[in-house]
Amino acid sequence: MNWGHRLKELITRNWREKIISLVLAFLFWFMIKAQDARNMPSYSMPPPRLPTPTSPAPSQLTPVIPPPVQLPSELEPMLSPPNAGTSPVLSSGEAIKGAAGL
């Protein structure tokens, strides 16, 4: 086979699919170009915000902390926590046996 025959066969084989792919490629290129020309994004940073000076809040808007709530006597604990005042003596494990009920 010579090169001329191979080139002709390469071009004429599946020519419909090749034309459709060229048309689609042109349409996609045209759509991207039109979108790029229409929407030019600015990639520059916006200027920094300057803090605006604020005046102190009026006395009507200052937070008011309520006084602490007094608990009624029914809610106070009646029992002290276990071993609150004494620490067990750890001599030969007697305190552990007594605590475990052995």
C-alpha atoms as a PDB file:
ATOM      1  CA  MET A   1       0.000   0.000   0.000  1.00  0.00           C
ATOM      2  CA  ASN A   2       1.265   3.407  -0.799  1.00  0.00           C
ATOM      3  CA  TRP A   3       0.890   6.488   1.399  1.00  0.00           C
ATOM      4  CA  GLY A   4      -1.646   8.201  -0.837  1.00  0.00           C
ATOM      5  CA  HIS A   5      -4.062   5.293  -0.687  1.00  0.00           C
ATOM      6  CA  ARG A   6      -3.675   4.966   3.109  1.00  0.00           C
ATOM      7  CA  LEU A   7      -4.308   8.690   3.613  1.00  0.00           C
ATOM      8  CA  LYS A   8      -7.415   8.591   1.392  1.00  0.00           C
ATOM      9  CA  GLU A   9      -8.725   5.550   3.282  1.00  0.00           C
ATOM     10  CA  LEU A  10      -7.991   7.227   6.645  1.00  0.00           C
ATOM     11  CA  ILE A  11      -9.997  10.306   5.669  1.00  0.00           C
ATOM     12  CA  THR A  12     -12.940   8.559   3.982  1.00  0.00           C
ATOM     13  CA  ARG A  13     -13.459   5.785   6.558  1.00  0.00           C
ATOM     14  CA  ASN A  14     -16.157   6.771   9.134  1.00  0.00           C
ATOM     15  CA  TRP A  15     -16.461  10.204   7.562  1.00  0.00           C
ATOM     16  CA  ARG A  16     -19.887  10.931   9.140  1.00  0.00           C
ATOM     17  CA  GLU A  17     -18.571  10.407  12.668  1.00  0.00           C
ATOM     18  CA  LYS A  18     -15.553  12.571  11.897  1.00  0.00           C
ATOM     19  CA  ILE A  19     -17.704  15.429  10.608  1.00  0.00           C
ATOM     20  CA  ILE A  20     -20.005  15.185  13.660  1.00  0.00           C
ATOM     21  CA  SER A  21     -17.027  15.273  16.018  1.00  0.00           C
ATOM     22  CA  LEU A  22     -15.626  18.346  14.222  1.00  0.00           C
ATOM     23  CA  VAL A  23     -18.982  20.125  14.461  1.00  0.00           C
ATOM     24  CA  LEU A  24     -19.295  19.300  18.182  1.00  0.00           C
ATOM     25  CA  ALA A  25     -15.726  20.448  18.857  1.00  0.00           C
ATOM     26  CA  PHE A  26     -16.428  23.754  17.082  1.00  0.00           C
ATOM     27  CA  LEU A  27     -19.677  24.267  19.031  1.00  0.00           C
ATOM     28  CA  PHE A  28     -18.000  23.597  22.390  1.00  0.00           C
ATOM     29  CA  TRP A  29     -15.151  25.960  21.512  1.00  0.00           C
ATOM     30  CA  PHE A  30     -17.628  28.647  20.430  1.00  0.00           C
ATOM     31  CA  MET A  31     -19.690  28.289  23.649  1.00  0.00           C
ATOM     32  CA  ILE A  32     -16.598  28.514  25.866  1.00  0.00           C
ATOM     33  CA  LYS A  33     -15.306  31.542  23.947  1.00  0.00           C
ATOM     34  CA  ALA A  34     -18.684  33.303  24.164  1.00  0.00           C
ATOM     35  CA  GLN A  35     -18.949  32.616  27.918  1.00  0.00           C
ATOM     36  CA  ASP A  36     -15.407  33.833  28.529  1.00  0.00           C
ATOM     37  CA  ALA A  37     -16.003  37.068  26.587  1.00  0.00           C
ATOM     38  CA  ARG A  38     -19.294  37.723  28.365  1.00  0.00           C
ATOM     39  CA  ASN A  39     -18.232  37.073  31.940  1.00  0.00           C
ATOM     40  CA  MET A  40     -14.867  38.645  32.712  1.00  0.00           C
ATOM     41  CA  PRO A  41     -14.205  37.799  36.365  1.00  0.00           C
ATOM     42  CA  SER A  42     -12.028  40.126  38.358  1.00  0.00           C
ATOM     43  CA  TYR A  43      -9.487  38.229  40.351  1.00  0.00           C
ATOM     44  CA  SER A  44      -8.237  41.226  42.307  1.00  0.00           C
ATOM     45  CA  MET A  45      -8.634  41.313  46.051  1.00  0.00           C
ATOM     46  CA  PRO A  46     -11.221  43.716  47.456  1.00  0.00           C
ATOM     47  CA  PRO A  47      -9.832  46.615  49.484  1.00  0.00           C
ATOM     48  CA  PRO A  48      -9.439  45.834  53.198  1.00  0.00           C
ATOM     49  CA  ARG A  49     -12.203  46.993  55.485  1.00  0.00           C
ATOM     50  CA  LEU A  50     -11.355  49.724  57.890  1.00  0.00           C
ATOM     51  CA  PRO A  51     -12.847  49.231  61.344  1.00  0.00           C
ATOM     52  CA  THR A  52     -15.415  51.872  62.123  1.00  0.00           C
ATOM     53  CA  PRO A  53     -15.035  53.492  65.527  1.00  0.00           C
ATOM     54  CA  THR A  54     -17.861  52.549  67.843  1.00  0.00           C
ATOM     55  CA  SER A  55     -19.250  54.496  70.723  1.00  0.00           C
ATOM     56  CA  PRO A  56     -19.718  52.860  74.114  1.00  0.00           C
ATOM     57  CA  ALA A  57     -23.079  51.240  74.710  1.00  0.00           C
ATOM     58  CA  PRO A  58     -25.655  53.223  76.657  1.00  0.00           C
ATOM     59  CA  SER A  59     -26.297  52.167  80.223  1.00  0.00           C
ATOM     60  CA  GLN A  60     -29.669  50.686  79.262  1.00  0.00           C
ATOM     61  CA  LEU A  61     -27.915  48.112  77.050  1.00  0.00           C
ATOM     62  CA  THR A  62     -25.205  46.962  79.438  1.00  0.00           C
ATOM     63  CA  PRO A  63     -25.623  43.372  80.609  1.00  0.00           C
ATOM     64  CA  VAL A  64     -27.169  42.897  84.008  1.00  0.00           C
ATOM     65  CA  ILE A  65     -25.989  39.892  85.994  1.00  0.00           C
ATOM     66  CA  PRO A  66     -28.727  38.554  88.264  1.00  0.00           C
ATOM     67  CA  PRO A  67     -27.833  37.908  91.901  1.00  0.00           C
ATOM     68  CA  PRO A  68     -26.985  34.296  92.818  1.00  0.00           C
ATOM     69  CA  VAL A  69     -29.980  32.130  93.551  1.00  0.00           C
ATOM     70  CA  GLN A  70     -30.341  30.881  97.114  1.00  0.00           C
ATOM     71  CA  LEU A  71     -31.162  27.182  97.280  1.00  0.00           C
ATOM     72  CA  PRO A  72     -33.954  26.093  99.595  1.00  0.00           C
ATOM     73  CA  SER A  73     -32.901  23.962 102.541  1.00  0.00           C
ATOM     74  CA  GLU A  74     -34.593  20.882 101.042  1.00  0.00           C
ATOM     75  CA  LEU A  75     -32.037  20.811  98.215  1.00  0.00           C
ATOM     76  CA  GLU A  76     -28.938  21.051 100.402  1.00  0.00           C
ATOM     77  CA  PRO A  77     -27.032  17.758 100.814  1.00  0.00           C
ATOM     78  CA  MET A  78     -27.696  16.020 104.129  1.00  0.00           C
ATOM     79  CA  LEU A  79     -24.859  13.523 103.964  1.00  0.00           C
ATOM     80  CA  SER A  80     -21.221  14.334 103.546  1.00  0.00           C
ATOM     81  CA  PRO A  81     -19.357  12.571 100.759  1.00  0.00           C
ATOM     82  CA  PRO A  82     -17.680   9.284 101.747  1.00  0.00           C
ATOM     83  CA  ASN A  83     -14.169   9.628 103.152  1.00  0.00           C
ATOM     84  CA  ALA A  84     -14.446  13.406 103.072  1.00  0.00           C
ATOM     85  CA  GLY A  85     -12.465  14.048 106.219  1.00  0.00           C
ATOM     86  CA  THR A  86     -10.372  10.928 106.734  1.00  0.00           C
ATOM     87  CA  SER A  87      -8.037   9.051 104.463  1.00  0.00           C
ATOM     88  CA  PRO A  88      -7.780   5.289 104.964  1.00  0.00           C
ATOM     89  CA  VAL A  89      -4.580   3.900 106.416  1.00  0.00           C
ATOM     90  CA  LEU A  90      -3.011   1.505 103.951  1.00  0.00           C
ATOM     91  CA  SER A  91      -1.362  -0.908 106.379  1.00  0.00           C
ATOM     92  CA  SER A  92      -1.380  -4.440 105.026  1.00  0.00           C
ATOM     93  CA  GLY A  93      -4.618  -3.915 103.086  1.00  0.00           C
ATOM     94  CA  GLU A  94      -6.902  -3.678 106.135  1.00  0.00           C
ATOM     95  CA  ALA A  95      -8.564  -0.470 104.911  1.00  0.00           C
ATOM     96  CA  ILE A  96      -9.319  -2.046 101.552  1.00  0.00           C
ATOM     97  CA  LYS A  97     -10.817  -5.142 103.170  1.00  0.00           C
ATOM     98  CA  GLY A  98     -12.965  -2.976 105.419  1.00  0.00           C
ATOM     99  CA  ALA A  99     -14.147  -0.822 102.517  1.00  0.00           C
ATOM    100  CA  ALA A 100     -15.000  -3.879 100.443  1.00  0.00           C
ATOM    101  CA  GLY A 101     -16.824  -5.560 103.329  1.00  0.00           C
ATOM    102  CA  LEU A 102     -14.463  -8.518 103.601  1.00  0.00           C
END
